[in-house]
Amino acid sequence: PSPSPTGGNDENGRTRRLNWTLISGLFIAVIVIVAVVIL
């Protein structure tokens, strides 16, 4: 199941779900964004 967004901010909503694919450096960048959200 896709995780449900926990905030109304559009950027937060995008970063709540990590669609990293292990296949490029992009997956690191996505998780970095989510880690920023944690703070």
Full PDB file with SEQRES, HELIX, SHEET, SSBOND, CRYST1, ORIGX, SCALE, CONECT and MASTER records, all heavy atoms in Angstrom:
SEQRES   1 A   39  PRO SER PRO SER PRO THR GLY GLY ASN ASP GLU ASN GLY          
SEQRES   2 A   39  ARG THR ARG ARG LEU ASN TRP THR LEU ILE SER GLY LEU          
SEQRES   3 A   39  PHE ILE ALA VAL ILE VAL ILE VAL ALA VAL VAL ILE LEU          
HELIX    1 AA1 ASP A   10  THR A   15  1                                   6    
HELIX    2 AA2 LEU A   26  ILE A   38  1                                  13    
CRYST1    1.000    1.000    1.000  90.00  90.00  90.00 P 1           1          
ORIGX1      1.000000  0.000000  0.000000        0.00000                         
ORIGX2      0.000000  1.000000  0.000000        0.00000                         
ORIGX3      0.000000  0.000000  1.000000        0.00000                         
SCALE1      1.000000  0.000000  0.000000        0.00000                         
SCALE2      0.000000  1.000000  0.000000        0.00000                         
SCALE3      0.000000  0.000000  1.000000        0.00000                         
ATOM      1  N   PRO A   1       0.824  -1.201   0.000  1.00  0.00           N  
ATOM      2  CA  PRO A   1       0.000   0.000   0.000  1.00  0.00           C  
ATOM      3  C   PRO A   1       0.851   1.241   0.000  1.00  0.00           C  
ATOM      4  O   PRO A   1       1.880   1.311   0.645  1.00  0.00           O  
ATOM      5  CB  PRO A   1      -0.794  -0.126   1.312  1.00  0.00           C  
ATOM      6  CG  PRO A   1      -0.716  -1.557   1.680  1.00  0.00           C  
ATOM      7  CD  PRO A   1       0.597  -2.043   1.164  1.00  0.00           C  
ATOM      8  N   SER A   2       0.415   2.253  -0.736  1.00  0.00           N  
ATOM      9  CA  SER A   2       1.124   3.526  -0.749  1.00  0.00           C  
ATOM     10  C   SER A   2       0.885   4.249   0.559  1.00  0.00           C  
ATOM     11  O   SER A   2      -0.249   4.325   1.033  1.00  0.00           O  
ATOM     12  CB  SER A   2       0.623   4.404  -1.904  1.00  0.00           C  
ATOM     13  OG  SER A   2       0.853   3.750  -3.132  1.00  0.00           O  
ATOM     14  N   PRO A   3       1.930   4.793   1.178  1.00  0.00           N  
ATOM     15  CA  PRO A   3       1.764   5.531   2.427  1.00  0.00           C  
ATOM     16  C   PRO A   3       0.900   6.747   2.205  1.00  0.00           C  
ATOM     17  O   PRO A   3       0.955   7.401   1.164  1.00  0.00           O  
ATOM     18  CB  PRO A   3       3.204   5.931   2.792  1.00  0.00           C  
ATOM     19  CG  PRO A   3       4.076   5.000   2.012  1.00  0.00           C  
ATOM     20  CD  PRO A   3       3.328   4.680   0.771  1.00  0.00           C  
ATOM     21  N   SER A   4       0.076   7.068   3.183  1.00  0.00           N  
ATOM     22  CA  SER A   4      -0.808   8.221   3.088  1.00  0.00           C  
ATOM     23  C   SER A   4      -0.059   9.472   3.485  1.00  0.00           C  
ATOM     24  O   SER A   4       0.683   9.484   4.460  1.00  0.00           O  
ATOM     25  CB  SER A   4      -2.015   8.043   4.026  1.00  0.00           C  
ATOM     26  OG  SER A   4      -2.735   6.907   3.674  1.00  0.00           O  
ATOM     27  N   PRO A   5      -0.244  10.581   2.732  1.00  0.00           N  
ATOM     28  CA  PRO A   5       0.393  11.839   3.106  1.00  0.00           C  
ATOM     29  C   PRO A   5      -0.082  12.284   4.474  1.00  0.00           C  
ATOM     30  O   PRO A   5      -1.234  12.092   4.838  1.00  0.00           O  
ATOM     31  CB  PRO A   5      -0.066  12.812   2.014  1.00  0.00           C  
ATOM     32  CG  PRO A   5      -0.452  11.938   0.854  1.00  0.00           C  
ATOM     33  CD  PRO A   5      -0.983  10.682   1.473  1.00  0.00           C  
ATOM     34  N   THR A   6       0.800  12.906   5.236  1.00  0.00           N  
ATOM     35  CA  THR A   6       0.459  13.329   6.586  1.00  0.00           C  
ATOM     36  C   THR A   6       0.397  14.828   6.714  1.00  0.00           C  
ATOM     37  O   THR A   6       0.207  15.347   7.792  1.00  0.00           O  
ATOM     38  CB  THR A   6       1.489  12.778   7.598  1.00  0.00           C  
ATOM     39  OG1 THR A   6       2.776  13.254   7.223  1.00  0.00           O  
ATOM     40  CG2 THR A   6       1.457  11.282   7.624  1.00  0.00           C  
ATOM     41  N   GLY A   7       0.559  15.547   5.610  1.00  0.00           N  
ATOM     42  CA  GLY A   7       0.493  16.990   5.685  1.00  0.00           C  
ATOM     43  C   GLY A   7      -0.144  17.551   4.456  1.00  0.00           C  
ATOM     44  O   GLY A   7      -0.270  16.904   3.427  1.00  0.00           O  
ATOM     45  N   GLY A   8      -0.561  18.819   4.499  1.00  0.00           N  
ATOM     46  CA  GLY A   8      -1.228  19.409   3.373  1.00  0.00           C  
ATOM     47  C   GLY A   8      -0.263  20.024   2.382  1.00  0.00           C  
ATOM     48  O   GLY A   8      -0.637  20.324   1.255  1.00  0.00           O  
ATOM     49  N   ASN A   9       0.974  20.241   2.765  1.00  0.00           N  
ATOM     50  CA  ASN A   9       1.936  20.848   1.873  1.00  0.00           C  
ATOM     51  C   ASN A   9       2.206  19.936   0.698  1.00  0.00           C  
ATOM     52  O   ASN A   9       2.457  18.747   0.845  1.00  0.00           O  
ATOM     53  CB  ASN A   9       3.239  21.105   2.643  1.00  0.00           C  
ATOM     54  CG  ASN A   9       4.280  21.762   1.776  1.00  0.00           C  
ATOM     55  OD1 ASN A   9       4.983  21.071   1.045  1.00  0.00           O  
ATOM     56  ND2 ASN A   9       4.375  23.082   1.858  1.00  0.00           N  
ATOM     57  N   ASP A  10       2.180  20.486  -0.525  1.00  0.00           N  
ATOM     58  CA  ASP A  10       2.328  19.664  -1.714  1.00  0.00           C  
ATOM     59  C   ASP A  10       3.681  18.981  -1.782  1.00  0.00           C  
ATOM     60  O   ASP A  10       3.788  17.820  -2.137  1.00  0.00           O  
ATOM     61  CB  ASP A  10       2.117  20.536  -2.958  1.00  0.00           C  
ATOM     62  CG  ASP A  10       2.200  19.727  -4.245  1.00  0.00           C  
ATOM     63  OD1 ASP A  10       1.385  18.821  -4.406  1.00  0.00           O  
ATOM     64  OD2 ASP A  10       3.085  20.013  -5.070  1.00  0.00           O  
ATOM     65  N   GLU A  11       4.729  19.717  -1.386  1.00  0.00           N  
ATOM     66  CA  GLU A  11       6.060  19.116  -1.424  1.00  0.00           C  
ATOM     67  C   GLU A  11       6.169  17.979  -0.440  1.00  0.00           C  
ATOM     68  O   GLU A  11       6.714  16.920  -0.738  1.00  0.00           O  
ATOM     69  CB  GLU A  11       7.112  20.174  -1.111  1.00  0.00           C  
ATOM     70  CG  GLU A  11       8.538  19.616  -1.169  1.00  0.00           C  
ATOM     71  CD  GLU A  11       9.586  20.661  -0.885  1.00  0.00           C  
ATOM     72  OE1 GLU A  11       9.200  21.833  -0.730  1.00  0.00           O  
ATOM     73  OE2 GLU A  11      10.771  20.284  -0.824  1.00  0.00           O  
ATOM     74  N   ASN A  12       5.618  18.148   0.781  1.00  0.00           N  
ATOM     75  CA  ASN A  12       5.635  17.056   1.763  1.00  0.00           C  
ATOM     76  C   ASN A  12       4.878  15.853   1.236  1.00  0.00           C  
ATOM     77  O   ASN A  12       5.271  14.714   1.429  1.00  0.00           O  
ATOM     78  CB  ASN A  12       5.030  17.521   3.083  1.00  0.00           C  
ATOM     79  CG  ASN A  12       5.946  18.464   3.832  1.00  0.00           C  
ATOM     80  OD1 ASN A  12       7.099  18.616   3.447  1.00  0.00           O  
ATOM     81  ND2 ASN A  12       5.435  19.082   4.864  1.00  0.00           N  
ATOM     82  N   GLY A  13       3.750  16.114   0.571  1.00  0.00           N  
ATOM     83  CA  GLY A  13       2.965  15.004   0.050  1.00  0.00           C  
ATOM     84  C   GLY A  13       3.751  14.191  -0.952  1.00  0.00           C  
ATOM     85  O   GLY A  13       3.664  12.972  -0.983  1.00  0.00           O  
ATOM     86  N   ARG A  14       4.525  14.867  -1.780  1.00  0.00           N  
ATOM     87  CA  ARG A  14       5.321  14.137  -2.759  1.00  0.00           C  
ATOM     88  C   ARG A  14       6.406  13.319  -2.096  1.00  0.00           C  
ATOM     89  O   ARG A  14       6.718  12.215  -2.541  1.00  0.00           O  
ATOM     90  CB  ARG A  14       5.967  15.119  -3.749  1.00  0.00           C  
ATOM     91  CG  ARG A  14       4.989  15.754  -4.709  1.00  0.00           C  
ATOM     92  CD  ARG A  14       5.749  16.366  -5.886  1.00  0.00           C  
ATOM     93  NE  ARG A  14       6.734  17.340  -5.435  1.00  0.00           N  
ATOM     94  CZ  ARG A  14       6.471  18.623  -5.287  1.00  0.00           C  
ATOM     95  NH1 ARG A  14       5.237  19.073  -5.507  1.00  0.00           N  
ATOM     96  NH2 ARG A  14       7.407  19.469  -4.901  1.00  0.00           N  
ATOM     97  N   THR A  15       6.994  13.853  -1.043  1.00  0.00           N  
ATOM     98  CA  THR A  15       8.144  13.168  -0.466  1.00  0.00           C  
ATOM     99  C   THR A  15       7.768  12.099   0.525  1.00  0.00           C  
ATOM    100  O   THR A  15       8.628  11.377   1.002  1.00  0.00           O  
ATOM    101  CB  THR A  15       9.071  14.191   0.227  1.00  0.00           C  
ATOM    102  OG1 THR A  15       8.309  14.882   1.212  1.00  0.00           O  
ATOM    103  CG2 THR A  15       9.633  15.175  -0.770  1.00  0.00           C  
ATOM    104  N   ARG A  16       6.495  11.954   0.881  1.00  0.00           N  
ATOM    105  CA  ARG A  16       6.112  10.903   1.830  1.00  0.00           C  
ATOM    106  C   ARG A  16       6.235   9.534   1.218  1.00  0.00           C  
ATOM    107  O   ARG A  16       6.341   8.538   1.914  1.00  0.00           O  
ATOM    108  CB  ARG A  16       4.671  11.110   2.297  1.00  0.00           C  
ATOM    109  CG  ARG A  16       4.461  12.393   3.088  1.00  0.00           C  
ATOM    110  CD  ARG A  16       5.294  12.434   4.334  1.00  0.00           C  
ATOM    111  NE  ARG A  16       5.060  13.664   5.051  1.00  0.00           N  
ATOM    112  CZ  ARG A  16       5.641  13.987   6.154  1.00  0.00           C  
ATOM    113  NH1 ARG A  16       6.514  13.176   6.694  1.00  0.00           N  
ATOM    114  NH2 ARG A  16       5.387  15.135   6.743  1.00  0.00           N  
ATOM    115  N   ARG A  17       6.183   9.439  -0.085  1.00  0.00           N  
ATOM    116  CA  ARG A  17       6.308   8.132  -0.730  1.00  0.00           C  
ATOM    117  C   ARG A  17       7.614   8.071  -1.499  1.00  0.00           C  
ATOM    118  O   ARG A  17       7.897   8.913  -2.326  1.00  0.00           O  
ATOM    119  CB  ARG A  17       5.136   7.896  -1.681  1.00  0.00           C  
ATOM    120  CG  ARG A  17       5.134   6.468  -2.218  1.00  0.00           C  
ATOM    121  CD  ARG A  17       3.841   6.202  -2.991  1.00  0.00           C  
ATOM    122  NE  ARG A  17       3.745   4.807  -3.340  1.00  0.00           N  
ATOM    123  CZ  ARG A  17       4.284   4.288  -4.417  1.00  0.00           C  
ATOM    124  NH1 ARG A  17       4.956   5.044  -5.240  1.00  0.00           N  
ATOM    125  NH2 ARG A  17       4.153   2.997  -4.671  1.00  0.00           N  
ATOM    126  N   LEU A  18       8.431   7.065  -1.196  1.00  0.00           N  
ATOM    127  CA  LEU A  18       9.738   6.973  -1.820  1.00  0.00           C  
ATOM    128  C   LEU A  18       9.661   6.041  -3.014  1.00  0.00           C  
ATOM    129  O   LEU A  18       9.517   4.837  -2.859  1.00  0.00           O  
ATOM    130  CB  LEU A  18      10.761   6.416  -0.818  1.00  0.00           C  
ATOM    131  CG  LEU A  18      10.807   7.124   0.524  1.00  0.00           C  
ATOM    132  CD1 LEU A  18      11.888   6.494   1.375  1.00  0.00           C  
ATOM    133  CD2 LEU A  18      11.063   8.589   0.330  1.00  0.00           C  
ATOM    134  N   ASN A  19       9.717   6.601  -4.195  1.00  0.00           N  
ATOM    135  CA  ASN A  19       9.666   5.780  -5.389  1.00  0.00           C  
ATOM    136  C   ASN A  19      11.067   5.558  -5.940  1.00  0.00           C  
ATOM    137  O   ASN A  19      11.299   5.665  -7.129  1.00  0.00           O  
ATOM    138  CB  ASN A  19       8.781   6.452  -6.449  1.00  0.00           C  
ATOM    139  CG  ASN A  19       7.322   6.358  -6.114  1.00  0.00           C  
ATOM    140  OD1 ASN A  19       6.888   5.330  -5.612  1.00  0.00           O  
ATOM    141  ND2 ASN A  19       6.565   7.402  -6.363  1.00  0.00           N  
ATOM    142  N   TRP A  20      12.013   5.281  -5.021  1.00  0.00           N  
ATOM    143  CA  TRP A  20      13.361   5.037  -5.513  1.00  0.00           C  
ATOM    144  C   TRP A  20      13.428   3.635  -6.077  1.00  0.00           C  
ATOM    145  O   TRP A  20      12.751   2.746  -5.630  1.00  0.00           O  
ATOM    146  CB  TRP A  20      14.400   5.277  -4.435  1.00  0.00           C  
ATOM    147  CG  TRP A  20      14.250   4.465  -3.217  1.00  0.00           C  
ATOM    148  CD1 TRP A  20      13.458   4.710  -2.151  1.00  0.00           C  
ATOM    149  CD2 TRP A  20      14.913   3.236  -2.923  1.00  0.00           C  
ATOM    150  NE1 TRP A  20      13.597   3.749  -1.210  1.00  0.00           N  
ATOM    151  CE2 TRP A  20      14.468   2.834  -1.660  1.00  0.00           C  
ATOM    152  CE3 TRP A  20      15.834   2.455  -3.611  1.00  0.00           C  
ATOM    153  CZ2 TRP A  20      14.928   1.671  -1.062  1.00  0.00           C  
ATOM    154  CZ3 TRP A  20      16.281   1.310  -3.015  1.00  0.00           C  
ATOM    155  CH2 TRP A  20      15.827   0.922  -1.746  1.00  0.00           C  
ATOM    156  N   THR A  21      14.265   3.437  -7.079  1.00  0.00           N  
ATOM    157  CA  THR A  21      14.300   2.175  -7.800  1.00  0.00           C  
ATOM    158  C   THR A  21      15.628   1.473  -7.740  1.00  0.00           C  
ATOM    159  O   THR A  21      15.813   0.451  -8.386  1.00  0.00           O  
ATOM    160  CB  THR A  21      13.961   2.404  -9.282  1.00  0.00           C  
ATOM    161  OG1 THR A  21      14.967   3.252  -9.838  1.00  0.00           O  
ATOM    162  CG2 THR A  21      12.601   3.020  -9.440  1.00  0.00           C  
ATOM    163  N   LEU A  22      16.556   1.968  -6.987  1.00  0.00           N  
ATOM    164  CA  LEU A  22      17.852   1.328  -6.850  1.00  0.00           C  
ATOM    165  C   LEU A  22      18.661   1.431  -8.131  1.00  0.00           C  
ATOM    166  O   LEU A  22      19.750   0.920  -8.201  1.00  0.00           O  
ATOM    167  CB  LEU A  22      17.651  -0.162  -6.491  1.00  0.00           C  
ATOM    168  CG  LEU A  22      18.625  -0.905  -5.582  1.00  0.00           C  
ATOM    169  CD1 LEU A  22      18.353  -2.366  -5.619  1.00  0.00           C  
ATOM    170  CD2 LEU A  22      20.078  -0.634  -5.842  1.00  0.00           C  
ATOM    171  N   ILE A  23      18.129   2.064  -9.168  1.00  0.00           N  
ATOM    172  CA  ILE A  23      18.767   1.969 -10.463  1.00  0.00           C  
ATOM    173  C   ILE A  23      19.480   3.239 -10.868  1.00  0.00           C  
ATOM    174  O   ILE A  23      20.030   3.300 -11.937  1.00  0.00           O  
ATOM    175  CB  ILE A  23      17.755   1.575 -11.553  1.00  0.00           C  
ATOM    176  CG1 ILE A  23      16.635   2.615 -11.630  1.00  0.00           C  
ATOM    177  CG2 ILE A  23      17.204   0.209 -11.302  1.00  0.00           C  
ATOM    178  CD1 ILE A  23      15.657   2.352 -12.740  1.00  0.00           C  
ATOM    179  N   SER A  24      19.457   4.261 -10.051  1.00  0.00           N  
ATOM    180  CA  SER A  24      20.218   5.458 -10.381  1.00  0.00           C  
ATOM    181  C   SER A  24      20.428   6.272  -9.128  1.00  0.00           C  
ATOM    182  O   SER A  24      19.844   6.013  -8.079  1.00  0.00           O  
ATOM    183  CB  SER A  24      19.469   6.305 -11.420  1.00  0.00           C  
ATOM    184  OG  SER A  24      18.375   6.949 -10.790  1.00  0.00           O  
ATOM    185  N   GLY A  25      21.281   7.292  -9.246  1.00  0.00           N  
ATOM    186  CA  GLY A  25      21.534   8.153  -8.107  1.00  0.00           C  
ATOM    187  C   GLY A  25      20.312   8.910  -7.666  1.00  0.00           C  
ATOM    188  O   GLY A  25      20.295   9.475  -6.580  1.00  0.00           O  
ATOM    189  N   LEU A  26      19.253   8.897  -8.474  1.00  0.00           N  
ATOM    190  CA  LEU A  26      18.042   9.622  -8.114  1.00  0.00           C  
ATOM    191  C   LEU A  26      17.416   9.082  -6.848  1.00  0.00           C  
ATOM    192  O   LEU A  26      16.801   9.804  -6.084  1.00  0.00           O  
ATOM    193  CB  LEU A  26      17.025   9.551  -9.261  1.00  0.00           C  
ATOM    194  CG  LEU A  26      17.358  10.383 -10.497  1.00  0.00           C  
ATOM    195  CD1 LEU A  26      16.294  10.161 -11.558  1.00  0.00           C  
ATOM    196  CD2 LEU A  26      17.452  11.856 -10.153  1.00  0.00           C  
ATOM    197  N   PHE A  27      17.539   7.779  -6.596  1.00  0.00           N  
ATOM    198  CA  PHE A  27      16.885   7.229  -5.414  1.00  0.00           C  
ATOM    199  C   PHE A  27      17.517   7.777  -4.143  1.00  0.00           C  
ATOM    200  O   PHE A  27      16.857   7.964  -3.137  1.00  0.00           O  
ATOM    201  CB  PHE A  27      16.901   5.698  -5.425  1.00  0.00           C  
ATOM    202  CG  PHE A  27      18.058   5.065  -4.715  1.00  0.00           C  
ATOM    203  CD1 PHE A  27      17.945   4.703  -3.385  1.00  0.00           C  
ATOM    204  CD2 PHE A  27      19.233   4.792  -5.375  1.00  0.00           C  
ATOM    205  CE1 PHE A  27      18.988   4.098  -2.732  1.00  0.00           C  
ATOM    206  CE2 PHE A  27      20.287   4.195  -4.722  1.00  0.00           C  
ATOM    207  CZ  PHE A  27      20.165   3.847  -3.398  1.00  0.00           C  
ATOM    208  N   ILE A  28      18.806   8.095  -4.187  1.00  0.00           N  
ATOM    209  CA  ILE A  28      19.443   8.741  -3.057  1.00  0.00           C  
ATOM    210  C   ILE A  28      18.843  10.125  -2.845  1.00  0.00           C  
ATOM    211  O   ILE A  28      18.529  10.525  -1.732  1.00  0.00           O  
ATOM    212  CB  ILE A  28      20.958   8.852  -3.282  1.00  0.00           C  
ATOM    213  CG1 ILE A  28      21.606   7.460  -3.274  1.00  0.00           C  
ATOM    214  CG2 ILE A  28      21.600   9.732  -2.221  1.00  0.00           C  
ATOM    215  CD1 ILE A  28      21.657   6.811  -1.923  1.00  0.00           C  
ATOM    216  N   ALA A  29      18.662  10.855  -3.933  1.00  0.00           N  
ATOM    217  CA  ALA A  29      18.136  12.210  -3.812  1.00  0.00           C  
ATOM    218  C   ALA A  29      16.737  12.222  -3.229  1.00  0.00           C  
ATOM    219  O   ALA A  29      16.390  13.084  -2.423  1.00  0.00           O  
ATOM    220  CB  ALA A  29      18.128  12.880  -5.185  1.00  0.00           C  
ATOM    221  N   VAL A  30      15.907  11.263  -3.622  1.00  0.00           N  
ATOM    222  CA  VAL A  30      14.543  11.195  -3.103  1.00  0.00           C  
ATOM    223  C   VAL A  30      14.550  10.971  -1.604  1.00  0.00           C  
ATOM    224  O   VAL A  30      13.830  11.628  -0.850  1.00  0.00           O  
ATOM    225  CB  VAL A  30      13.756  10.072  -3.807  1.00  0.00           C  
ATOM    226  CG1 VAL A  30      12.405   9.874  -3.144  1.00  0.00           C  
ATOM    227  CG2 VAL A  30      13.563  10.415  -5.276  1.00  0.00           C  
ATOM    228  N   ILE A  31      15.399  10.054  -1.130  1.00  0.00           N  
ATOM    229  CA  ILE A  31      15.439   9.770   0.294  1.00  0.00           C  
ATOM    230  C   ILE A  31      16.016  10.945   1.064  1.00  0.00           C  
ATOM    231  O   ILE A  31      15.638  11.208   2.192  1.00  0.00           O  
ATOM    232  CB  ILE A  31      16.214   8.470   0.564  1.00  0.00           C  
ATOM    233  CG1 ILE A  31      15.544   7.307  -0.175  1.00  0.00           C  
ATOM    234  CG2 ILE A  31      16.261   8.166   2.041  1.00  0.00           C  
ATOM    235  CD1 ILE A  31      16.236   5.984  -0.002  1.00  0.00           C  
ATOM    236  N   VAL A  32      16.943  11.671   0.452  1.00  0.00           N  
ATOM    237  CA  VAL A  32      17.468  12.875   1.096  1.00  0.00           C  
ATOM    238  C   VAL A  32      16.344  13.857   1.362  1.00  0.00           C  
ATOM    239  O   VAL A  32      16.235  14.442   2.436  1.00  0.00           O  
ATOM    240  CB  VAL A  32      18.555  13.528   0.225  1.00  0.00           C  
ATOM    241  CG1 VAL A  32      18.860  14.930   0.713  1.00  0.00           C  
ATOM    242  CG2 VAL A  32      19.826  12.691   0.241  1.00  0.00           C  
ATOM    243  N   ILE A  33      15.451  14.025   0.376  1.00  0.00           N  
ATOM    244  CA  ILE A  33      14.323  14.935   0.539  1.00  0.00           C  
ATOM    245  C   ILE A  33      13.444  14.482   1.695  1.00  0.00           C  
ATOM    246  O   ILE A  33      13.030  15.270   2.538  1.00  0.00           O  
ATOM    247  CB  ILE A  33      13.502  15.016  -0.754  1.00  0.00           C  
ATOM    248  CG1 ILE A  33      14.348  15.676  -1.860  1.00  0.00           C  
ATOM    249  CG2 ILE A  33      12.225  15.819  -0.540  1.00  0.00           C  
ATOM    250  CD1 ILE A  33      13.699  15.636  -3.217  1.00  0.00           C  
ATOM    251  N   VAL A  34      13.181  13.176   1.770  1.00  0.00           N  
ATOM    252  CA  VAL A  34      12.343  12.659   2.844  1.00  0.00           C  
ATOM    253  C   VAL A  34      13.021  12.852   4.194  1.00  0.00           C  
ATOM    254  O   VAL A  34      12.386  13.191   5.182  1.00  0.00           O  
ATOM    255  CB  VAL A  34      12.022  11.171   2.607  1.00  0.00           C  
ATOM    256  CG1 VAL A  34      11.201  10.615   3.758  1.00  0.00           C  
ATOM    257  CG2 VAL A  34      11.257  11.005   1.311  1.00  0.00           C  
ATOM    258  N   ALA A  35      14.326  12.642   4.233  1.00  0.00           N  
ATOM    259  CA  ALA A  35      15.048  12.823   5.493  1.00  0.00           C  
ATOM    260  C   ALA A  35      14.955  14.270   5.963  1.00  0.00           C  
ATOM    261  O   ALA A  35      14.874  14.538   7.166  1.00  0.00           O  
ATOM    262  CB  ALA A  35      16.513  12.414   5.318  1.00  0.00           C  
ATOM    263  N   VAL A  36      14.972  15.206   5.030  1.00  0.00           N  
ATOM    264  CA  VAL A  36      14.802  16.604   5.403  1.00  0.00           C  
ATOM    265  C   VAL A  36      13.432  16.817   6.026  1.00  0.00           C  
ATOM    266  O   VAL A  36      13.273  17.551   7.009  1.00  0.00           O  
ATOM    267  CB  VAL A  36      14.973  17.516   4.169  1.00  0.00           C  
ATOM    268  CG1 VAL A  36      14.591  18.943   4.503  1.00  0.00           C  
ATOM    269  CG2 VAL A  36      16.415  17.462   3.678  1.00  0.00           C  
ATOM    270  N   VAL A  37      12.409  16.157   5.467  1.00  0.00           N  
ATOM    271  CA  VAL A  37      11.058  16.285   5.993  1.00  0.00           C  
ATOM    272  C   VAL A  37      10.992  15.812   7.440  1.00  0.00           C  
ATOM    273  O   VAL A  37      10.308  16.395   8.278  1.00  0.00           O  
ATOM    274  CB  VAL A  37      10.060  15.474   5.132  1.00  0.00           C  
ATOM    275  CG1 VAL A  37       8.689  15.469   5.774  1.00  0.00           C  
ATOM    276  CG2 VAL A  37       9.980  16.075   3.737  1.00  0.00           C  
ATOM    277  N   ILE A  38      11.750  14.758   7.771  1.00  0.00           N  
ATOM    278  CA  ILE A  38      11.728  14.216   9.134  1.00  0.00           C  
ATOM    279  C   ILE A  38      12.086  15.291  10.144  1.00  0.00           C  
ATOM    280  O   ILE A  38      11.528  15.347  11.242  1.00  0.00           O  
ATOM    281  CB  ILE A  38      12.726  13.046   9.277  1.00  0.00           C  
ATOM    282  CG1 ILE A  38      12.313  11.901   8.372  1.00  0.00           C  
ATOM    283  CG2 ILE A  38      12.791  12.572  10.707  1.00  0.00           C  
ATOM    284  CD1 ILE A  38      13.296  10.771   8.375  1.00  0.00           C  
ATOM    285  N   LEU A  39      13.026  16.141   9.789  1.00  0.00           N  
ATOM    286  CA  LEU A  39      13.502  17.135  10.736  1.00  0.00           C  
ATOM    287  C   LEU A  39      12.401  18.081  11.178  1.00  0.00           C  
ATOM    288  O   LEU A  39      12.458  18.663  12.258  1.00  0.00           O  
ATOM    289  CB  LEU A  39      14.635  17.941  10.098  1.00  0.00           C  
ATOM    290  CG  LEU A  39      15.864  17.122   9.683  1.00  0.00           C  
ATOM    291  CD1 LEU A  39      16.901  18.027   9.055  1.00  0.00           C  
ATOM    292  CD2 LEU A  39      16.444  16.382  10.877  1.00  0.00           C  
TER     293      LEU A  39                                                      
MASTER        0    0    0    2    0    0    0    6  292    1    0    3          
END                                                                             
